[in-house]
Amino acid sequence: MALQYPMADAMRLIREGNLGEATALLRTSLGGGVAPARTPAAGGVIDLAPMRVTTDAARPGRMEDRRHDGAGGAVDYLLYRPADARPAMPLVVMLHGCTQTPDDFARGTGMNRVADEHGFLVAYPRQTASANPQKCWNWFRPGDQRRGAGEPALIAGMAGDILAAERADPARVYVAGLSAGGAAAAVLAEAYPDVFAAVGVHSGLACGIARDVPSALAAMRSGPGPAAARRGGGGGRFVPLITFHGDRDGTVAEANARAIVREASAAAGVPVTVSVESGEAGGRRFTRALSRNAGGDVLIEQWTVAGAGHAWSGGDPAGSYADAAGPDASQAMARFFLANPMRG
């Protein structure tokens, strides 16, 4: 029997913790909202020209204060809606780093401007000092590395709320973060591959490489140790990955980006061919390693920015941990995300 009120039923499923069923229901009710995947340009190089503008970038949208209440607690967040926000838009979840706030992170990354240009919603969940004294997402705690519990469940539940309330496209929900937020994004991709279609990790760490503060600090200094283990527990679908990392990052060693890419390559389940490009943007040299499957689809995109430290590449210094120099990480992530809707 067809469901008469798909949004109401989806909200009920979200409250009950059935995110997979809620996502499937929303996908069915929206029907046909998935954008076609982009293919590499001739010669195997991804086209970096701006994608088709889907909204009026000259008319900025607005931020709205919202709250998600879940079985394990609550999370406040800011939702950015472009001026002509409409059903079936993609959603990008942005996880700030330690000591940051959603407003600060939005300023530093400039992701709202990119959302105006390409036409998607942006959610900025807020970590509190009561949850972590430095307002870090607790990516290193076993209870916050698994599906169905802790911070991953809260953030995935928040995404479900937005899907239902905004009638956003459940096949185009993405997550990205910086530093501890990047590590939390990696956890979400591992724990909820049925919710997030692709993940962006900027200056972050892999899921499951730490179990407490000492092991987290060791991984930040030197990369994951030999005993590190994945703890997400989501299983199933491979989640396409884009990473950014400065090769002079003194807070989170660049070895962590290499570890994330190695793990993703192993999880892809198919042979990949890696090609490496180099260039200059914003006064910094960079390399970009592209991992493609046999059909030419880019599954993993790894950016290494020469001379950059622990800051969002190509960002706005009006925000903290943002470096105006270097390639624009927000634009690159948006392009990668919109080329990777959920499949299967």
Protein backbone atom coordinates (compact mmCIF):
# COMPACT_ATOMS: atom_id res chain seq x y z
CA MET A 1 0.00 0.00 0.00
CA ALA A 2 1.42 3.42 -0.98
CA LEU A 3 2.25 5.76 1.87
CA GLN A 4 -0.08 8.75 1.85
CA TYR A 5 2.11 11.10 3.90
CA PRO A 6 5.76 10.33 3.04
CA MET A 7 7.27 13.26 4.97
CA ALA A 8 5.37 12.41 8.16
CA ASP A 9 6.25 8.73 7.84
CA ALA A 10 9.90 9.60 7.23
CA MET A 11 9.98 11.75 10.38
CA ARG A 12 8.50 8.88 12.37
CA LEU A 13 11.15 6.49 11.06
CA ILE A 14 13.90 8.99 11.90
CA ARG A 15 12.64 9.36 15.47
CA GLU A 16 12.63 5.57 15.76
CA GLY A 17 16.23 5.40 14.54
CA ASN A 18 15.40 3.72 11.20
CA LEU A 19 17.52 6.05 9.07
CA GLY A 20 17.93 3.59 6.21
CA GLU A 21 14.17 3.13 5.82
CA ALA A 22 13.59 6.87 6.13
CA THR A 23 16.17 7.58 3.42
CA ALA A 24 14.62 5.00 1.09
CA LEU A 25 11.15 6.47 1.65
CA LEU A 26 12.33 10.00 0.95
CA ARG A 27 14.18 8.87 -2.16
CA THR A 28 11.01 7.22 -3.46
CA SER A 29 8.81 10.21 -2.66
CA LEU A 30 11.14 12.69 -4.38
CA GLY A 31 11.64 10.47 -7.41
CA GLY A 32 14.19 11.38 -10.04
CA GLY A 33 16.02 14.09 -8.11
CA VAL A 34 19.50 12.64 -8.65
CA ALA A 35 21.82 14.69 -10.81
CA PRO A 36 23.76 12.77 -13.47
CA ALA A 37 27.34 11.97 -12.58
CA ARG A 38 30.02 13.95 -14.35
CA THR A 39 32.63 12.07 -16.31
CA PRO A 40 36.33 12.95 -16.56
CA ALA A 41 37.28 15.29 -19.36
CA ALA A 42 39.34 14.11 -22.33
CA GLY A 43 42.76 12.92 -21.30
CA GLY A 44 41.57 11.78 -17.88
CA VAL A 45 41.72 15.21 -16.21
CA ILE A 46 38.71 16.39 -14.22
CA ASP A 47 37.20 19.58 -15.61
CA LEU A 48 37.69 22.32 -13.03
CA ALA A 49 35.49 24.85 -14.81
CA PRO A 50 32.51 25.96 -12.72
CA MET A 51 29.55 23.59 -12.85
CA ARG A 52 26.18 24.79 -14.11
CA VAL A 53 24.82 27.34 -11.67
CA THR A 54 21.53 26.11 -10.23
CA THR A 55 20.69 29.09 -8.02
CA ASP A 56 21.15 32.85 -8.04
CA ALA A 57 24.55 33.48 -6.41
CA ALA A 58 23.84 37.25 -6.47
CA ARG A 59 21.04 36.75 -3.92
CA PRO A 60 22.55 35.17 -0.81
CA GLY A 61 20.36 33.02 1.37
CA ARG A 62 20.09 32.94 5.14
CA MET A 63 21.22 30.97 8.16
CA GLU A 64 18.61 29.46 10.45
CA ASP A 65 19.10 28.19 14.01
CA ARG A 66 17.73 24.67 14.40
CA ARG A 67 17.91 21.74 16.80
CA HIS A 68 17.80 17.98 16.40
CA ASP A 69 16.53 15.92 19.33
CA GLY A 70 17.47 12.26 19.16
CA ALA A 71 17.26 9.22 21.38
CA GLY A 72 20.83 9.81 22.60
CA GLY A 73 20.65 13.56 23.10
CA ALA A 74 20.38 16.73 21.05
CA VAL A 75 22.52 18.81 18.70
CA ASP A 76 22.01 22.44 17.71
CA TYR A 77 22.94 23.45 14.19
CA LEU A 78 22.80 26.23 11.65
CA LEU A 79 21.15 25.53 8.31
CA TYR A 80 22.06 27.66 5.32
CA ARG A 81 19.31 27.90 2.71
CA PRO A 82 20.09 29.58 -0.64
CA ALA A 83 17.67 32.32 -1.61
CA ASP A 84 15.72 30.05 -3.94
CA ALA A 85 15.98 26.87 -1.89
CA ARG A 86 13.58 24.24 -3.19
CA PRO A 87 12.84 20.52 -2.90
CA ALA A 88 15.35 17.95 -4.16
CA MET A 89 18.41 20.09 -3.39
CA PRO A 90 21.60 18.34 -2.19
CA LEU A 91 22.71 18.73 1.44
CA VAL A 92 26.28 19.22 2.66
CA VAL A 93 26.99 18.70 6.38
CA MET A 94 30.02 20.69 7.59
CA LEU A 95 31.79 19.70 10.83
CA HIS A 96 33.95 22.38 12.43
CA GLY A 97 37.30 21.83 14.11
CA CYS A 98 38.30 22.26 17.75
CA THR A 99 37.60 25.70 19.32
CA GLN A 100 35.51 26.69 16.30
CA THR A 101 31.81 27.50 16.02
CA PRO A 102 29.41 26.97 13.11
CA ASP A 103 29.44 30.70 12.25
CA ASP A 104 33.23 30.82 12.35
CA PHE A 105 33.53 27.69 10.20
CA ALA A 106 31.04 29.02 7.66
CA ARG A 107 33.06 32.24 7.34
CA GLY A 108 36.40 30.48 7.04
CA THR A 109 35.35 27.90 4.45
CA GLY A 110 33.09 30.15 2.38
CA MET A 111 30.86 27.14 1.79
CA ASN A 112 27.71 29.27 1.81
CA ARG A 113 28.99 31.19 -1.21
CA VAL A 114 29.64 27.90 -2.98
CA ALA A 115 26.14 26.74 -2.03
CA ASP A 116 24.69 29.89 -3.61
CA GLU A 117 26.62 29.16 -6.78
CA HIS A 118 25.79 25.48 -7.16
CA GLY A 119 22.48 25.21 -5.36
CA PHE A 120 22.62 23.12 -2.17
CA LEU A 121 21.78 23.32 1.53
CA VAL A 122 24.54 23.47 4.15
CA ALA A 123 24.20 22.29 7.76
CA TYR A 124 26.70 23.24 10.47
CA PRO A 125 26.19 21.21 13.67
CA ARG A 126 27.55 22.76 16.86
CA GLN A 127 29.78 20.91 19.31
CA THR A 128 29.49 22.20 22.88
CA ALA A 129 32.11 22.79 25.56
CA SER A 130 30.11 20.47 27.83
CA ALA A 131 30.64 17.61 25.35
CA ASN A 132 34.31 18.47 24.85
CA PRO A 133 36.20 21.31 26.60
CA GLN A 134 37.82 22.39 23.32
CA LYS A 135 34.57 21.90 21.36
CA CYS A 136 36.19 19.06 19.40
CA TRP A 137 34.03 16.31 17.98
CA ASN A 138 34.91 13.18 19.97
CA TRP A 139 36.10 11.14 16.99
CA PHE A 140 38.59 9.23 19.17
CA ARG A 141 36.11 7.70 21.63
CA PRO A 142 34.80 4.19 20.88
CA GLY A 143 31.28 5.29 21.80
CA ASP A 144 31.46 8.01 19.13
CA GLN A 145 32.88 5.79 16.39
CA ARG A 146 29.89 3.52 15.80
CA ARG A 147 26.56 3.42 14.06
CA GLY A 148 23.48 3.92 16.20
CA ALA A 149 25.12 5.71 19.11
CA GLY A 150 26.86 8.88 20.23
CA GLU A 151 27.72 11.80 17.98
CA PRO A 152 27.48 9.84 14.69
CA ALA A 153 23.86 8.96 15.42
CA LEU A 154 23.05 12.57 16.36
CA ILE A 155 24.56 14.00 13.18
CA ALA A 156 23.01 11.36 10.93
CA GLY A 157 19.68 12.00 12.67
CA MET A 158 20.10 15.72 12.08
CA ALA A 159 20.60 15.01 8.37
CA GLY A 160 17.41 12.96 8.41
CA ASP A 161 15.51 15.86 9.98
CA ILE A 162 16.69 18.19 7.22
CA LEU A 163 15.83 15.70 4.48
CA ALA A 164 12.29 15.47 5.78
CA ALA A 165 11.75 19.16 6.56
CA GLU A 166 13.34 20.55 3.38
CA ARG A 167 12.49 17.63 1.08
CA ALA A 168 16.17 17.55 0.16
CA ASP A 169 17.56 14.84 -2.11
CA PRO A 170 18.45 11.74 -0.03
CA ALA A 171 20.75 10.52 -2.83
CA ARG A 172 22.89 13.64 -2.51
CA VAL A 173 23.78 14.05 1.16
CA TYR A 174 27.47 14.73 1.86
CA VAL A 175 29.67 15.34 4.89
CA ALA A 176 32.94 17.24 5.24
CA GLY A 177 35.02 18.56 8.10
CA LEU A 178 38.27 20.11 9.26
CA SER A 179 40.71 18.52 11.73
CA ALA A 180 38.58 16.87 14.46
CA GLY A 181 35.60 17.61 12.21
CA GLY A 182 37.37 15.86 9.35
CA ALA A 183 37.98 12.85 11.57
CA ALA A 184 34.30 12.88 12.58
CA ALA A 185 33.33 13.06 8.89
CA ALA A 186 35.43 9.94 8.26
CA VAL A 187 33.57 8.20 11.11
CA LEU A 188 30.20 9.15 9.61
CA ALA A 189 31.17 7.80 6.19
CA GLU A 190 32.15 4.51 7.82
CA ALA A 191 29.14 4.27 10.12
CA TYR A 192 26.44 5.59 7.77
CA PRO A 193 27.32 4.74 4.17
CA ASP A 194 23.58 4.52 3.48
CA VAL A 195 23.12 8.19 4.42
CA PHE A 196 26.24 9.97 3.08
CA ALA A 197 26.99 9.70 -0.63
CA ALA A 198 30.57 11.06 -0.39
CA VAL A 199 32.92 12.47 2.26
CA GLY A 200 35.47 15.29 2.42
CA VAL A 201 38.27 15.17 5.01
CA HIS A 202 40.43 18.29 5.41
CA SER A 203 43.46 17.94 7.71
CA GLY A 204 41.75 15.03 9.46
CA LEU A 205 42.26 11.43 10.54
CA ALA A 206 40.86 8.01 9.68
CA CYS A 207 38.04 6.30 11.52
CA GLY A 208 39.04 4.00 14.37
CA ILE A 209 42.72 4.90 14.68
CA ALA A 210 42.38 6.08 18.30
CA ARG A 211 40.48 4.94 21.39
CA ASP A 212 41.29 7.74 23.85
CA VAL A 213 43.08 11.10 24.12
CA PRO A 214 46.66 9.69 24.30
CA SER A 215 46.21 7.51 21.20
CA ALA A 216 44.52 10.43 19.42
CA LEU A 217 47.47 12.72 20.14
CA ALA A 218 49.91 10.03 18.98
CA ALA A 219 48.02 9.63 15.70
CA MET A 220 47.91 13.39 15.20
CA ARG A 221 51.70 13.58 15.63
CA SER A 222 52.74 10.59 13.58
CA GLY A 223 49.79 9.00 11.78
CA PRO A 224 47.98 5.77 12.68
CA GLY A 225 49.87 3.06 14.49
CA PRO A 226 50.01 -0.58 13.33
CA ALA A 227 47.26 -1.64 15.74
CA ALA A 228 44.70 0.88 14.50
CA ALA A 229 41.35 -0.68 13.60
CA ARG A 230 38.20 0.50 11.88
CA ARG A 231 35.30 0.95 14.31
CA GLY A 232 32.48 2.45 12.27
CA GLY A 233 30.40 -0.68 11.97
CA GLY A 234 28.33 0.58 9.05
CA GLY A 235 29.53 -1.95 6.49
CA GLY A 236 28.21 -2.12 2.96
CA ARG A 237 28.65 0.63 0.42
CA PHE A 238 31.99 2.25 -0.43
CA VAL A 239 31.85 6.03 0.10
CA PRO A 240 33.80 8.19 -2.41
CA LEU A 241 36.43 10.34 -0.70
CA ILE A 242 38.14 13.69 -1.25
CA THR A 243 40.96 14.80 1.07
CA PHE A 244 42.95 18.01 1.54
CA HIS A 245 46.09 18.28 3.65
CA GLY A 246 49.00 20.71 3.93
CA ASP A 247 52.46 19.19 3.83
CA ARG A 248 53.56 21.59 6.62
CA ASP A 249 50.71 20.76 8.97
CA GLY A 250 52.18 20.76 12.48
CA THR A 251 48.94 19.75 14.21
CA VAL A 252 47.78 16.70 12.26
CA ALA A 253 50.57 14.92 10.39
CA GLU A 254 50.07 14.55 6.64
CA ALA A 255 50.65 10.81 7.07
CA ASN A 256 47.02 10.69 8.21
CA ALA A 257 45.77 11.77 4.79
CA ARG A 258 47.80 9.02 3.17
CA ALA A 259 46.34 6.50 5.63
CA ILE A 260 42.78 7.62 4.87
CA VAL A 261 43.41 7.20 1.14
CA ARG A 262 45.01 3.77 1.60
CA GLU A 263 42.03 2.61 3.63
CA ALA A 264 39.56 3.97 1.08
CA SER A 265 41.45 2.32 -1.78
CA ALA A 266 41.24 -1.03 0.00
CA ALA A 267 37.53 -0.51 0.73
CA ALA A 268 36.68 0.38 -2.88
CA GLY A 269 36.41 -3.31 -3.75
CA VAL A 270 37.66 -2.79 -7.31
CA PRO A 271 41.08 -2.16 -8.84
CA VAL A 272 41.92 1.55 -9.10
CA THR A 273 44.39 3.37 -11.31
CA VAL A 274 46.10 6.40 -9.78
CA SER A 275 47.19 9.42 -11.78
CA VAL A 276 48.89 12.45 -10.25
CA GLU A 277 48.58 16.02 -11.45
CA SER A 278 50.34 19.12 -10.16
CA GLY A 279 49.62 22.80 -10.41
CA GLU A 280 49.50 26.11 -8.60
CA ALA A 281 46.56 27.98 -7.12
CA GLY A 282 46.41 30.95 -4.80
CA GLY A 283 50.19 31.15 -4.68
CA ARG A 284 50.73 27.55 -3.53
CA ARG A 285 51.80 24.48 -5.44
CA PHE A 286 49.70 21.37 -5.05
CA THR A 287 49.45 17.78 -6.22
CA ARG A 288 46.17 15.99 -6.85
CA ALA A 289 46.10 12.21 -6.97
CA LEU A 290 43.03 10.75 -8.70
CA SER A 291 42.04 7.11 -8.13
CA ARG A 292 39.78 5.81 -10.91
CA ASN A 293 37.97 2.56 -11.47
CA ALA A 294 38.01 0.69 -14.78
CA GLY A 295 35.16 2.86 -16.08
CA GLY A 296 37.08 6.08 -15.46
CA ASP A 297 35.02 7.22 -12.45
CA VAL A 298 37.05 9.10 -9.84
CA LEU A 299 36.52 7.30 -6.52
CA ILE A 300 39.18 9.10 -4.47
CA GLU A 301 40.69 12.56 -4.88
CA GLN A 302 43.71 13.45 -2.73
CA TRP A 303 45.02 17.03 -2.62
CA THR A 304 48.37 17.82 -1.00
CA VAL A 305 49.09 21.54 -0.66
CA ALA A 306 52.77 22.52 -0.54
CA GLY A 307 53.77 24.82 2.31
CA ALA A 308 50.31 24.83 3.89
CA GLY A 309 49.70 24.33 7.59
CA HIS A 310 46.66 23.33 9.61
CA ALA A 311 44.03 25.45 7.88
CA TRP A 312 41.25 25.27 5.27
CA SER A 313 42.86 25.68 1.85
CA GLY A 314 41.70 28.70 -0.17
CA GLY A 315 39.59 29.86 2.75
CA ASP A 316 38.66 33.25 4.16
CA PRO A 317 40.93 34.55 6.97
CA ALA A 318 37.82 36.15 8.50
CA GLY A 319 37.35 32.68 9.99
CA SER A 320 39.81 30.76 12.15
CA TYR A 321 42.04 28.02 10.71
CA ALA A 322 41.53 29.33 7.18
CA ASP A 323 44.32 30.00 4.69
CA ALA A 324 43.54 32.30 1.75
CA ALA A 325 46.42 30.76 -0.21
CA GLY A 326 46.11 27.49 -2.07
CA PRO A 327 43.39 25.78 -4.11
CA ASP A 328 39.80 26.40 -3.05
CA ALA A 329 38.92 23.32 -1.00
CA SER A 330 35.24 24.26 -0.78
CA GLN A 331 34.84 24.51 -4.55
CA ALA A 332 36.78 21.29 -5.09
CA MET A 333 34.68 19.41 -2.54
CA ALA A 334 31.42 20.73 -4.00
CA ARG A 335 32.42 19.59 -7.49
CA PHE A 336 33.44 16.17 -6.20
CA PHE A 337 30.28 15.77 -4.15
CA LEU A 338 27.87 16.75 -6.91
CA ALA A 339 29.60 14.33 -9.27
CA ASN A 340 28.95 11.49 -6.80
CA PRO A 341 25.27 10.91 -6.01
CA MET A 342 24.33 7.77 -4.10
CA ARG A 343 24.24 4.75 -6.37
CA GLY A 344 22.83 1.31 -5.75
